[in-house]
Amino acid sequence: MTTAVETETRTVELVGDCTAGSCLEFAVKLHKAVEDRKYQRGASIMDMPETLLDWRAEHRTARKRADRAERLGHRFAVVDFSVHAQDIHDINTSLPERQGRPMSDGYRKKAERSRLPDYPCSRHRTITYGTIQGRDTLRSYLTLHRSGELALVSMILGHGDWLRDDVMYALVQGVIADQAGTGGILYYNRHDSGTEGLVYFKEKLGFREANVEWVL
């Protein structure tokens, strides 16, 4: 007789020890976006490693692919989306479909990007990352919302012509390097969302399926 394995449940605090009103405001706004049950069951999460070296030691495939992207000339950076509007549009329109679904109109239309505000707290802020090729060409991008113990991957996309260079592995490795040692979890939508290829990508990076409970 096979015994069913109970899915892990993690409690994630969105405010933590912060007392500033801006931190609470940021956490409440993010909580409203993720309080739906669909964002709490079967989530894809990773415990934030203490160091990048710890993560690299445990994830050989992801490490090798990230290193390959760097050898091919792609470098990770914290980026300002407001100066990469054309690059982001090129990325968004580089493939007609993603994960078996057509790209929505919101992705196909070019949009100007605003600079992010200067957040007073490093634990309650939005950060935008990317991989750069050449002098300053964005080939992949990711938006991260950090709120207490939660580091939420909100948008992540790579240029279709450069996915073969493993830019997405370099992108996520860079995020882990930037956030390592801060505690909490990295959260990446539902674990079973998208194609088998996306699930493979997540698991090679170290994401696993779990349930989460948000606490303000």
N, C-alpha and C. Protein backbone atom coordinates (compact mmCIF):
# COMPACT_ATOMS: atom_id res chain seq x y z
N MET A 1 0.85 -1.20 0.00
CA MET A 1 0.00 0.00 0.00
C MET A 1 0.88 1.25 0.00
N THR A 2 0.61 2.16 -0.91
CA THR A 2 1.39 3.38 -1.00
C THR A 2 0.76 4.48 -0.15
N THR A 3 1.57 5.10 0.67
CA THR A 3 1.09 6.18 1.53
C THR A 3 1.28 7.52 0.84
N ALA A 4 0.21 8.29 0.77
CA ALA A 4 0.29 9.59 0.12
C ALA A 4 1.19 10.52 0.93
N VAL A 5 2.01 11.27 0.23
CA VAL A 5 2.90 12.22 0.88
C VAL A 5 2.18 13.55 1.05
N GLU A 6 2.11 14.02 2.28
CA GLU A 6 1.42 15.28 2.54
C GLU A 6 2.25 16.45 2.01
N THR A 7 1.59 17.36 1.32
CA THR A 7 2.28 18.51 0.76
C THR A 7 2.70 19.46 1.87
N GLU A 8 3.92 19.90 1.81
CA GLU A 8 4.46 20.86 2.77
C GLU A 8 3.67 22.16 2.75
N THR A 9 3.46 22.75 3.91
CA THR A 9 2.83 24.07 4.00
C THR A 9 3.79 25.03 4.69
N ARG A 10 4.04 26.17 4.03
CA ARG A 10 4.93 27.19 4.59
C ARG A 10 4.15 28.44 4.95
N THR A 11 4.43 28.97 6.13
CA THR A 11 3.86 30.25 6.55
C THR A 11 4.85 31.34 6.19
N VAL A 12 4.38 32.35 5.46
CA VAL A 12 5.26 33.40 4.94
C VAL A 12 4.78 34.75 5.43
N GLU A 13 5.61 35.43 6.21
CA GLU A 13 5.27 36.75 6.74
C GLU A 13 5.63 37.84 5.72
N LEU A 14 4.69 38.72 5.48
CA LEU A 14 4.89 39.76 4.48
C LEU A 14 5.36 41.09 5.06
N VAL A 15 5.25 41.26 6.37
CA VAL A 15 5.69 42.50 7.00
C VAL A 15 6.94 42.28 7.84
N GLY A 16 6.92 41.27 8.69
CA GLY A 16 8.08 40.98 9.53
C GLY A 16 8.27 42.02 10.61
N ASP A 17 9.52 42.39 10.88
CA ASP A 17 9.82 43.32 11.96
C ASP A 17 9.72 44.78 11.55
N CYS A 18 9.39 45.05 10.30
CA CYS A 18 9.34 46.43 9.84
C CYS A 18 8.15 47.16 10.47
N THR A 19 8.37 48.41 10.87
CA THR A 19 7.32 49.21 11.49
C THR A 19 6.93 50.43 10.67
N ALA A 20 7.66 50.71 9.61
CA ALA A 20 7.37 51.88 8.78
C ALA A 20 6.04 51.70 8.06
N GLY A 21 5.29 52.79 7.95
CA GLY A 21 4.00 52.73 7.27
C GLY A 21 4.13 52.34 5.82
N SER A 22 5.22 52.74 5.17
CA SER A 22 5.41 52.40 3.76
C SER A 22 5.59 50.90 3.57
N CYS A 23 6.20 50.23 4.56
CA CYS A 23 6.39 48.78 4.48
C CYS A 23 5.06 48.06 4.59
N LEU A 24 4.24 48.50 5.54
CA LEU A 24 2.92 47.89 5.71
C LEU A 24 2.07 48.12 4.48
N GLU A 25 2.11 49.31 3.93
CA GLU A 25 1.34 49.62 2.72
C GLU A 25 1.76 48.73 1.56
N PHE A 26 3.06 48.55 1.39
CA PHE A 26 3.56 47.69 0.31
C PHE A 26 3.09 46.26 0.52
N ALA A 27 3.19 45.76 1.77
CA ALA A 27 2.81 44.37 2.08
C ALA A 27 1.32 44.14 1.87
N VAL A 28 0.51 45.10 2.29
CA VAL A 28 -0.95 44.95 2.14
C VAL A 28 -1.33 44.90 0.66
N LYS A 29 -0.71 45.75 -0.14
CA LYS A 29 -1.01 45.78 -1.57
C LYS A 29 -0.62 44.45 -2.22
N LEU A 30 0.54 43.91 -1.86
CA LEU A 30 0.96 42.64 -2.43
C LEU A 30 0.08 41.50 -1.94
N HIS A 31 -0.31 41.55 -0.67
CA HIS A 31 -1.17 40.52 -0.11
C HIS A 31 -2.50 40.44 -0.86
N LYS A 32 -3.06 41.59 -1.23
CA LYS A 32 -4.31 41.60 -1.98
C LYS A 32 -4.15 40.92 -3.33
N ALA A 33 -2.94 41.00 -3.90
CA ALA A 33 -2.70 40.41 -5.21
C ALA A 33 -2.55 38.89 -5.15
N VAL A 34 -2.15 38.36 -3.98
CA VAL A 34 -1.86 36.92 -3.91
C VAL A 34 -2.74 36.16 -2.92
N GLU A 35 -3.73 36.84 -2.31
CA GLU A 35 -4.51 36.16 -1.28
C GLU A 35 -5.47 35.11 -1.83
N ASP A 36 -5.72 35.13 -3.13
CA ASP A 36 -6.56 34.12 -3.75
C ASP A 36 -5.97 32.73 -3.49
N ARG A 37 -6.84 31.77 -3.22
CA ARG A 37 -6.41 30.42 -2.88
C ARG A 37 -5.53 29.79 -3.97
N LYS A 38 -5.76 30.18 -5.23
CA LYS A 38 -4.98 29.59 -6.33
C LYS A 38 -3.49 29.93 -6.22
N TYR A 39 -3.16 30.99 -5.48
CA TYR A 39 -1.76 31.35 -5.28
C TYR A 39 -1.17 30.71 -4.03
N GLN A 40 -1.98 29.93 -3.33
CA GLN A 40 -1.52 29.34 -2.07
C GLN A 40 -1.40 27.82 -2.12
N ARG A 41 -2.04 27.18 -3.09
CA ARG A 41 -2.00 25.73 -3.17
C ARG A 41 -1.18 25.29 -4.38
N GLY A 42 -0.24 24.40 -4.15
CA GLY A 42 0.60 23.91 -5.24
C GLY A 42 1.55 24.96 -5.77
N ALA A 43 2.00 25.85 -4.89
CA ALA A 43 2.93 26.91 -5.31
C ALA A 43 4.31 26.35 -5.59
N SER A 44 5.08 27.10 -6.37
CA SER A 44 6.46 26.72 -6.67
C SER A 44 7.37 27.62 -5.83
N ILE A 45 8.09 27.03 -4.86
CA ILE A 45 8.90 27.83 -3.96
C ILE A 45 10.31 27.27 -3.83
N MET A 46 11.21 28.13 -3.39
CA MET A 46 12.58 27.76 -3.08
C MET A 46 13.00 28.49 -1.82
N ASP A 47 13.56 27.79 -0.85
CA ASP A 47 14.12 28.47 0.30
C ASP A 47 15.29 29.33 -0.16
N MET A 48 15.33 30.58 0.27
CA MET A 48 16.42 31.45 -0.13
C MET A 48 17.73 30.94 0.47
N PRO A 49 18.71 30.62 -0.37
CA PRO A 49 19.97 30.09 0.17
C PRO A 49 20.75 31.15 0.93
N GLU A 50 21.63 30.70 1.79
CA GLU A 50 22.47 31.64 2.53
C GLU A 50 23.48 32.33 1.63
N THR A 51 24.03 31.57 0.69
CA THR A 51 25.00 32.14 -0.24
C THR A 51 24.77 31.57 -1.63
N LEU A 52 25.27 32.26 -2.64
CA LEU A 52 25.20 31.74 -4.00
C LEU A 52 25.99 30.44 -4.12
N LEU A 53 27.11 30.35 -3.42
CA LEU A 53 27.93 29.14 -3.48
C LEU A 53 27.14 27.94 -2.98
N ASP A 54 26.33 28.13 -1.95
CA ASP A 54 25.50 27.04 -1.44
C ASP A 54 24.55 26.55 -2.53
N TRP A 55 23.91 27.50 -3.21
CA TRP A 55 22.97 27.13 -4.28
C TRP A 55 23.69 26.43 -5.43
N ARG A 56 24.82 26.95 -5.85
CA ARG A 56 25.57 26.38 -6.97
C ARG A 56 26.06 24.97 -6.65
N ALA A 57 26.39 24.72 -5.41
CA ALA A 57 26.87 23.39 -5.02
C ALA A 57 25.77 22.34 -5.12
N GLU A 58 24.52 22.77 -4.96
CA GLU A 58 23.41 21.82 -4.94
C GLU A 58 22.68 21.69 -6.28
N HIS A 59 22.99 22.55 -7.24
CA HIS A 59 22.22 22.56 -8.49
C HIS A 59 23.18 22.59 -9.68
N ARG A 60 23.75 21.45 -9.97
CA ARG A 60 24.81 21.34 -10.97
C ARG A 60 24.34 21.73 -12.37
N THR A 61 23.18 21.22 -12.78
CA THR A 61 22.69 21.52 -14.13
C THR A 61 22.45 23.02 -14.31
N ALA A 62 21.76 23.63 -13.35
CA ALA A 62 21.48 25.07 -13.44
C ALA A 62 22.76 25.87 -13.42
N ARG A 63 23.71 25.45 -12.58
CA ARG A 63 25.00 26.14 -12.50
C ARG A 63 25.73 26.10 -13.83
N LYS A 64 25.78 24.93 -14.45
CA LYS A 64 26.49 24.79 -15.72
C LYS A 64 25.82 25.61 -16.82
N ARG A 65 24.49 25.66 -16.82
CA ARG A 65 23.79 26.41 -17.86
C ARG A 65 23.95 27.92 -17.66
N ALA A 66 23.95 28.35 -16.41
CA ALA A 66 24.19 29.77 -16.14
C ALA A 66 25.60 30.16 -16.55
N ASP A 67 26.56 29.30 -16.26
CA ASP A 67 27.95 29.57 -16.65
C ASP A 67 28.09 29.63 -18.16
N ARG A 68 27.35 28.77 -18.86
CA ARG A 68 27.40 28.76 -20.32
C ARG A 68 26.90 30.08 -20.88
N ALA A 69 25.80 30.59 -20.33
CA ALA A 69 25.27 31.87 -20.79
C ALA A 69 26.30 32.98 -20.60
N GLU A 70 27.00 32.96 -19.50
CA GLU A 70 28.02 33.98 -19.24
C GLU A 70 29.18 33.85 -20.22
N ARG A 71 29.56 32.61 -20.53
CA ARG A 71 30.64 32.42 -21.51
C ARG A 71 30.23 32.93 -22.89
N LEU A 72 28.94 32.88 -23.19
CA LEU A 72 28.44 33.34 -24.48
C LEU A 72 28.18 34.85 -24.51
N GLY A 73 28.56 35.53 -23.44
CA GLY A 73 28.51 36.98 -23.46
C GLY A 73 27.31 37.63 -22.81
N HIS A 74 26.55 36.89 -22.01
CA HIS A 74 25.38 37.44 -21.33
C HIS A 74 25.75 37.70 -19.86
N ARG A 75 25.51 38.90 -19.40
CA ARG A 75 25.82 39.22 -18.01
C ARG A 75 24.57 39.69 -17.27
N PHE A 76 24.48 39.32 -16.03
CA PHE A 76 23.34 39.67 -15.18
C PHE A 76 23.50 41.07 -14.63
N ALA A 77 22.38 41.78 -14.45
CA ALA A 77 22.43 43.12 -13.87
C ALA A 77 21.08 43.50 -13.27
N VAL A 78 21.13 44.37 -12.28
CA VAL A 78 19.92 45.08 -11.86
C VAL A 78 19.71 46.17 -12.90
N VAL A 79 18.54 46.21 -13.51
CA VAL A 79 18.34 47.11 -14.65
C VAL A 79 17.17 48.05 -14.41
N ASP A 80 17.20 49.15 -15.12
CA ASP A 80 16.13 50.14 -15.11
C ASP A 80 15.29 49.92 -16.37
N PHE A 81 14.08 49.39 -16.19
CA PHE A 81 13.23 49.09 -17.34
C PHE A 81 12.89 50.34 -18.15
N SER A 82 12.94 51.51 -17.54
CA SER A 82 12.55 52.72 -18.26
C SER A 82 13.50 53.05 -19.41
N VAL A 83 14.71 52.51 -19.38
CA VAL A 83 15.65 52.76 -20.49
C VAL A 83 15.73 51.56 -21.43
N HIS A 84 14.87 50.56 -21.21
CA HIS A 84 14.89 49.35 -22.04
C HIS A 84 13.52 49.04 -22.64
N ALA A 85 12.71 50.07 -22.87
CA ALA A 85 11.36 49.83 -23.38
C ALA A 85 11.37 49.09 -24.71
N GLN A 86 12.28 49.46 -25.62
CA GLN A 86 12.35 48.79 -26.91
C GLN A 86 12.83 47.36 -26.76
N ASP A 87 13.84 47.15 -25.92
CA ASP A 87 14.34 45.79 -25.70
C ASP A 87 13.25 44.89 -25.12
N ILE A 88 12.49 45.42 -24.18
CA ILE A 88 11.41 44.63 -23.58
C ILE A 88 10.35 44.31 -24.61
N HIS A 89 10.03 45.26 -25.46
CA HIS A 89 9.07 45.00 -26.53
C HIS A 89 9.60 43.93 -27.48
N ASP A 90 10.89 44.00 -27.81
CA ASP A 90 11.49 42.99 -28.69
C ASP A 90 11.43 41.61 -28.05
N ILE A 91 11.67 41.54 -26.76
CA ILE A 91 11.58 40.26 -26.04
C ILE A 91 10.15 39.74 -26.06
N ASN A 92 9.21 40.61 -25.74
CA ASN A 92 7.80 40.20 -25.64
C ASN A 92 7.25 39.70 -26.97
N THR A 93 7.74 40.24 -28.07
CA THR A 93 7.20 39.89 -29.39
C THR A 93 8.11 38.93 -30.16
N SER A 94 9.14 38.40 -29.51
CA SER A 94 10.09 37.53 -30.20
C SER A 94 9.53 36.15 -30.48
N LEU A 95 8.47 35.76 -29.77
CA LEU A 95 7.80 34.48 -30.02
C LEU A 95 6.29 34.71 -30.03
N PRO A 96 5.56 34.06 -30.93
CA PRO A 96 4.11 34.26 -30.98
C PRO A 96 3.38 33.57 -29.83
N GLU A 97 4.02 32.54 -29.24
CA GLU A 97 3.40 31.80 -28.15
C GLU A 97 4.41 31.58 -27.03
N ARG A 98 3.90 31.46 -25.81
CA ARG A 98 4.71 31.09 -24.65
C ARG A 98 3.92 30.04 -23.87
N GLN A 99 4.59 28.96 -23.52
CA GLN A 99 3.96 27.90 -22.75
C GLN A 99 2.67 27.40 -23.40
N GLY A 100 2.69 27.33 -24.75
CA GLY A 100 1.56 26.79 -25.49
C GLY A 100 0.40 27.74 -25.67
N ARG A 101 0.57 29.01 -25.23
CA ARG A 101 -0.53 29.98 -25.34
C ARG A 101 -0.05 31.20 -26.11
N PRO A 102 -0.93 31.79 -26.94
CA PRO A 102 -0.55 33.01 -27.66
C PRO A 102 -0.23 34.14 -26.68
N MET A 103 0.70 35.00 -27.07
CA MET A 103 1.01 36.16 -26.25
C MET A 103 -0.19 37.10 -26.23
N SER A 104 -0.52 37.61 -25.06
CA SER A 104 -1.67 38.50 -24.92
C SER A 104 -1.38 39.86 -25.53
N ASP A 105 -2.44 40.64 -25.77
CA ASP A 105 -2.28 41.97 -26.34
C ASP A 105 -1.41 42.85 -25.46
N GLY A 106 -1.50 42.64 -24.16
CA GLY A 106 -0.71 43.45 -23.24
C GLY A 106 0.78 43.31 -23.45
N TYR A 107 1.21 42.14 -23.90
CA TYR A 107 2.63 41.91 -24.18
C TYR A 107 3.01 42.36 -25.58
N ARG A 108 2.06 42.35 -26.52
CA ARG A 108 2.39 42.68 -27.90
C ARG A 108 2.48 44.18 -28.16
N LYS A 109 1.88 44.97 -27.28
CA LYS A 109 1.90 46.42 -27.46
C LYS A 109 3.10 47.02 -26.74
N LYS A 110 3.83 47.87 -27.44
CA LYS A 110 4.97 48.53 -26.82
C LYS A 110 4.47 49.53 -25.78
N ALA A 111 5.10 49.52 -24.62
CA ALA A 111 4.70 50.44 -23.55
C ALA A 111 5.93 51.12 -22.97
N GLU A 112 5.77 52.37 -22.63
CA GLU A 112 6.84 53.08 -21.94
C GLU A 112 6.92 52.58 -20.50
N ARG A 113 8.09 52.58 -19.97
CA ARG A 113 8.31 52.09 -18.61
C ARG A 113 8.75 53.24 -17.71
N SER A 114 8.21 53.28 -16.51
CA SER A 114 8.58 54.32 -15.56
C SER A 114 9.69 53.82 -14.64
N ARG A 115 10.48 54.75 -14.15
CA ARG A 115 11.49 54.42 -13.15
C ARG A 115 10.80 54.00 -11.86
N LEU A 116 11.40 53.04 -11.17
CA LEU A 116 10.87 52.63 -9.89
C LEU A 116 11.16 53.71 -8.85
N PRO A 117 10.31 53.82 -7.82
CA PRO A 117 10.58 54.79 -6.76
C PRO A 117 11.77 54.36 -5.92
N ASP A 118 12.27 55.28 -5.12
CA ASP A 118 13.34 54.96 -4.19
C ASP A 118 12.70 54.41 -2.92
N TYR A 119 12.77 53.09 -2.76
CA TYR A 119 12.14 52.46 -1.60
C TYR A 119 13.03 52.65 -0.36
N PRO A 120 12.44 53.03 0.77
CA PRO A 120 13.24 53.24 1.97
C PRO A 120 13.69 51.95 2.65
N CYS A 121 13.05 50.83 2.30
CA CYS A 121 13.33 49.56 2.97
C CYS A 121 13.73 48.50 1.94
N SER A 122 14.83 47.80 2.19
CA SER A 122 15.31 46.77 1.26
C SER A 122 14.44 45.52 1.29
N ARG A 123 13.61 45.37 2.33
CA ARG A 123 12.75 44.19 2.45
C ARG A 123 11.34 44.45 1.94
N HIS A 124 11.06 45.66 1.51
CA HIS A 124 9.74 45.97 0.95
C HIS A 124 9.95 46.87 -0.26
N ARG A 125 10.14 46.25 -1.40
CA ARG A 125 10.44 46.99 -2.62
C ARG A 125 10.26 46.09 -3.84
N THR A 126 10.21 46.71 -4.99
CA THR A 126 10.21 46.01 -6.27
C THR A 126 11.57 46.22 -6.92
N ILE A 127 12.12 45.14 -7.48
CA ILE A 127 13.43 45.18 -8.11
C ILE A 127 13.29 44.61 -9.52
N THR A 128 13.97 45.23 -10.48
CA THR A 128 13.93 44.73 -11.85
C THR A 128 15.33 44.29 -12.28
N TYR A 129 15.40 43.08 -12.81
CA TYR A 129 16.66 42.46 -13.19
C TYR A 129 16.65 42.12 -14.68
N GLY A 130 17.82 41.80 -15.21
CA GLY A 130 17.90 41.35 -16.59
C GLY A 130 19.25 40.76 -16.91
N THR A 131 19.35 40.19 -18.10
CA THR A 131 20.65 39.80 -18.63
C THR A 131 20.94 40.70 -19.83
N ILE A 132 22.17 41.17 -19.89
CA ILE A 132 22.60 42.12 -20.90
C ILE A 132 23.59 41.45 -21.84
N GLN A 133 23.44 41.73 -23.13
CA GLN A 133 24.40 41.25 -24.12
C GLN A 133 24.99 42.46 -24.83
N GLY A 134 26.28 42.39 -25.14
CA GLY A 134 26.92 43.51 -25.80
C GLY A 134 27.01 44.70 -24.87
N ARG A 135 26.88 45.87 -25.45
CA ARG A 135 27.03 47.09 -24.64
C ARG A 135 25.86 47.28 -23.67
N ASP A 136 24.64 47.12 -24.17
CA ASP A 136 23.50 47.41 -23.28
C ASP A 136 22.19 46.86 -23.82
N THR A 137 22.20 45.67 -24.41
CA THR A 137 20.98 45.10 -24.98
C THR A 137 20.39 44.06 -24.04
N LEU A 138 19.17 44.31 -23.63
CA LEU A 138 18.49 43.41 -22.71
C LEU A 138 17.99 42.19 -23.47
N ARG A 139 18.34 40.98 -22.97
CA ARG A 139 17.89 39.74 -23.62
C ARG A 139 16.89 38.96 -22.76
N SER A 140 16.82 39.26 -21.48
CA SER A 140 15.83 38.64 -20.62
C SER A 140 15.57 39.59 -19.45
N TYR A 141 14.41 39.45 -18.85
CA TYR A 141 14.09 40.34 -17.72
C TYR A 141 13.22 39.64 -16.70
N LEU A 142 13.24 40.18 -15.49
CA LEU A 142 12.49 39.61 -14.37
C LEU A 142 12.14 40.72 -13.40
N THR A 143 10.90 40.72 -12.94
CA THR A 143 10.46 41.66 -11.90
C THR A 143 10.27 40.88 -10.60
N LEU A 144 10.87 41.38 -9.53
CA LEU A 144 10.77 40.72 -8.23
C LEU A 144 10.14 41.67 -7.23
N HIS A 145 9.10 41.21 -6.54
CA HIS A 145 8.48 41.97 -5.46
C HIS A 145 8.93 41.35 -4.14
N ARG A 146 9.69 42.11 -3.37
CA ARG A 146 10.19 41.62 -2.09
C ARG A 146 9.35 42.21 -0.97
N SER A 147 8.74 41.35 -0.15
CA SER A 147 7.92 41.81 0.96
C SER A 147 8.12 40.88 2.14
N GLY A 148 8.94 41.28 3.11
CA GLY A 148 9.23 40.43 4.26
C GLY A 148 9.91 39.14 3.82
N GLU A 149 9.27 38.02 4.12
CA GLU A 149 9.85 36.72 3.78
C GLU A 149 9.54 36.29 2.34
N LEU A 150 8.77 37.06 1.64
CA LEU A 150 8.37 36.70 0.28
C LEU A 150 9.20 37.44 -0.76
N ALA A 151 9.76 36.68 -1.69
CA ALA A 151 10.41 37.24 -2.88
C ALA A 151 9.63 36.67 -4.07
N LEU A 152 8.74 37.46 -4.62
CA LEU A 152 7.77 37.01 -5.62
C LEU A 152 8.24 37.34 -7.03
N VAL A 153 8.42 36.29 -7.84
CA VAL A 153 8.71 36.48 -9.25
C VAL A 153 7.41 36.83 -9.95
N SER A 154 7.32 38.08 -10.42
CA SER A 154 6.08 38.56 -11.01
C SER A 154 6.09 38.42 -12.53
N MET A 155 7.14 38.85 -13.18
CA MET A 155 7.27 38.76 -14.63
C MET A 155 8.66 38.23 -14.95
N ILE A 156 8.73 37.24 -15.84
CA ILE A 156 10.02 36.69 -16.24
C ILE A 156 9.90 36.24 -17.69
N LEU A 157 10.77 36.77 -18.55
CA LEU A 157 10.67 36.47 -19.97
C LEU A 157 12.04 36.65 -20.62
N GLY A 158 12.31 35.81 -21.61
CA GLY A 158 13.55 35.90 -22.36
C GLY A 158 13.28 36.02 -23.85
N HIS A 159 14.22 36.60 -24.57
CA HIS A 159 14.09 36.74 -26.03
C HIS A 159 14.18 35.36 -26.67
N GLY A 160 13.22 35.07 -27.56
CA GLY A 160 13.16 33.76 -28.17
C GLY A 160 14.42 33.35 -28.91
N ASP A 161 15.13 34.32 -29.50
CA ASP A 161 16.34 34.01 -30.25
C ASP A 161 17.53 33.68 -29.37
N TRP A 162 17.41 33.97 -28.07
CA TRP A 162 18.55 33.80 -27.17
C TRP A 162 18.30 32.82 -26.04
N LEU A 163 17.13 32.20 -26.03
CA LEU A 163 16.85 31.18 -25.02
C LEU A 163 17.83 30.02 -25.12
N ARG A 164 18.28 29.75 -26.35
CA ARG A 164 19.23 28.66 -26.56
C ARG A 164 20.57 28.92 -25.87
N ASP A 165 20.83 30.17 -25.52
CA ASP A 165 22.07 30.52 -24.80
C ASP A 165 21.92 30.34 -23.30
N ASP A 166 20.78 29.82 -22.85
CA ASP A 166 20.53 29.59 -21.41
C ASP A 166 20.50 30.88 -20.61
N VAL A 167 20.00 31.96 -21.23
CA VAL A 167 19.96 33.24 -20.52
C VAL A 167 19.05 33.20 -19.30
N MET A 168 18.02 32.33 -19.31
CA MET A 168 17.10 32.30 -18.18
C MET A 168 17.76 31.72 -16.93
N TYR A 169 18.68 30.79 -17.12
CA TYR A 169 19.41 30.25 -15.97
C TYR A 169 20.34 31.31 -15.39
N ALA A 170 20.99 32.08 -16.26
CA ALA A 170 21.85 33.16 -15.78
C ALA A 170 21.03 34.22 -15.06
N LEU A 171 19.83 34.48 -15.56
CA LEU A 171 18.96 35.47 -14.95
C LEU A 171 18.57 35.07 -13.53
N VAL A 172 18.09 33.84 -13.35
CA VAL A 172 17.65 33.42 -12.02
C VAL A 172 18.85 33.26 -11.09
N GLN A 173 19.98 32.77 -11.60
CA GLN A 173 21.16 32.68 -10.75
C GLN A 173 21.54 34.07 -10.22
N GLY A 174 21.43 35.08 -11.06
CA GLY A 174 21.74 36.44 -10.63
C GLY A 174 20.81 36.93 -9.54
N VAL A 175 19.53 36.62 -9.67
CA VAL A 175 18.56 37.01 -8.65
C VAL A 175 18.91 36.33 -7.33
N ILE A 176 19.24 35.05 -7.39
CA ILE A 176 19.61 34.32 -6.17
C ILE A 176 20.86 34.94 -5.55
N ALA A 177 21.83 35.31 -6.38
CA ALA A 177 23.04 35.95 -5.86
C ALA A 177 22.70 37.25 -5.15
N ASP A 178 21.77 38.02 -5.72
CA ASP A 178 21.41 39.32 -5.15
C ASP A 178 20.62 39.17 -3.86
N GLN A 179 19.81 38.10 -3.76
CA GLN A 179 18.92 37.94 -2.61
C GLN A 179 19.43 36.94 -1.57
N ALA A 180 20.49 36.23 -1.86
CA ALA A 180 21.02 35.22 -0.94
C ALA A 180 21.31 35.83 0.43
N GLY A 181 20.97 35.07 1.46
CA GLY A 181 21.23 35.52 2.82
C GLY A 181 20.14 36.37 3.44
N THR A 182 19.09 36.65 2.66
CA THR A 182 18.01 37.51 3.17
C THR A 182 16.87 36.72 3.78
N GLY A 183 16.92 35.39 3.70
CA GLY A 183 15.88 34.55 4.28
C GLY A 183 14.61 34.51 3.46
N GLY A 184 13.63 33.78 3.98
CA GLY A 184 12.35 33.67 3.30
C GLY A 184 12.38 32.73 2.11
N ILE A 185 11.46 32.95 1.19
CA ILE A 185 11.33 32.07 0.03
C ILE A 185 11.29 32.86 -1.27
N LEU A 186 11.75 32.22 -2.32
CA LEU A 186 11.55 32.70 -3.68
C LEU A 186 10.32 31.96 -4.21
N TYR A 187 9.34 32.70 -4.71
CA TYR A 187 8.04 32.15 -5.10
C TYR A 187 7.84 32.39 -6.59
N TYR A 188 7.46 31.30 -7.31
CA TYR A 188 7.36 31.38 -8.77
C TYR A 188 6.07 30.72 -9.24
N ASN A 189 4.93 31.37 -8.97
CA ASN A 189 3.62 30.93 -9.46
C ASN A 189 3.30 29.51 -8.99
N ARG A 190 2.39 28.82 -9.68
CA ARG A 190 2.07 27.43 -9.37
C ARG A 190 3.19 26.54 -9.92
N HIS A 191 3.42 25.44 -9.22
CA HIS A 191 4.52 24.58 -9.64
C HIS A 191 4.21 23.86 -10.95
N ASP A 192 2.93 23.58 -11.19
CA ASP A 192 2.56 22.84 -12.41
C ASP A 192 2.13 23.76 -13.54
N SER A 193 2.34 25.06 -13.40
CA SER A 193 1.93 25.98 -14.47
C SER A 193 2.85 25.83 -15.67
N GLY A 194 2.30 26.01 -16.85
CA GLY A 194 3.10 25.94 -18.06
C GLY A 194 3.36 24.52 -18.52
N THR A 195 4.32 24.39 -19.40
CA THR A 195 4.66 23.11 -20.01
C THR A 195 5.60 22.29 -19.13
N GLU A 196 5.84 21.05 -19.56
CA GLU A 196 6.80 20.21 -18.84
C GLU A 196 8.18 20.86 -18.83
N GLY A 197 8.50 21.60 -19.91
CA GLY A 197 9.79 22.27 -19.98
C GLY A 197 9.96 23.31 -18.89
N LEU A 198 8.88 24.03 -18.58
CA LEU A 198 8.95 25.04 -17.53
C LEU A 198 9.09 24.39 -16.16
N VAL A 199 8.37 23.29 -15.94
CA VAL A 199 8.50 22.56 -14.67
C VAL A 199 9.94 22.05 -14.51
N TYR A 200 10.51 21.53 -15.58
CA TYR A 200 11.90 21.05 -15.56
C TYR A 200 12.83 22.21 -15.19
N PHE A 201 12.63 23.36 -15.81
CA PHE A 201 13.44 24.54 -15.54
C PHE A 201 13.37 24.90 -14.06
N LYS A 202 12.16 24.96 -13.51
CA LYS A 202 11.99 25.31 -12.11
C LYS A 202 12.70 24.31 -11.20
N GLU A 203 12.52 23.02 -11.47
CA GLU A 203 13.08 22.02 -10.58
C GLU A 203 14.59 21.96 -10.66
N LYS A 204 15.16 22.21 -11.81
CA LYS A 204 16.62 22.25 -11.91
C LYS A 204 17.19 23.45 -11.15
N LEU A 205 16.41 24.51 -11.04
CA LEU A 205 16.83 25.67 -10.27
C LEU A 205 16.69 25.45 -8.77
N GLY A 206 15.84 24.51 -8.38
CA GLY A 206 15.66 24.22 -6.97
C GLY A 206 14.27 24.51 -6.43
N PHE A 207 13.33 24.86 -7.30
CA PHE A 207 11.96 25.08 -6.85
C PHE A 207 11.27 23.75 -6.59
N ARG A 208 10.35 23.75 -5.64
CA ARG A 208 9.57 22.55 -5.31
C ARG A 208 8.12 22.97 -5.06
N GLU A 209 7.24 21.99 -5.08
CA GLU A 209 5.83 22.27 -4.85
C GLU A 209 5.53 22.34 -3.36
N ALA A 210 4.75 23.32 -2.95
CA ALA A 210 4.35 23.47 -1.55
C ALA A 210 3.11 24.34 -1.48
N ASN A 211 2.43 24.27 -0.34
CA ASN A 211 1.35 25.19 -0.06
C ASN A 211 1.91 26.34 0.78
N VAL A 212 1.33 27.52 0.63
CA VAL A 212 1.80 28.66 1.41
C VAL A 212 0.63 29.34 2.11
N GLU A 213 0.92 29.94 3.24
CA GLU A 213 -0.06 30.75 3.97
C GLU A 213 0.56 32.11 4.19
N TRP A 214 -0.11 33.14 3.72
CA TRP A 214 0.41 34.51 3.85
C TRP A 214 0.00 35.09 5.19
N VAL A 215 0.92 35.75 5.85
CA VAL A 215 0.66 36.40 7.15
C VAL A 215 1.13 37.84 7.06
N LEU A 216 0.22 38.78 7.38
CA LEU A 216 0.58 40.19 7.44
C LEU A 216 1.12 40.56 8.82
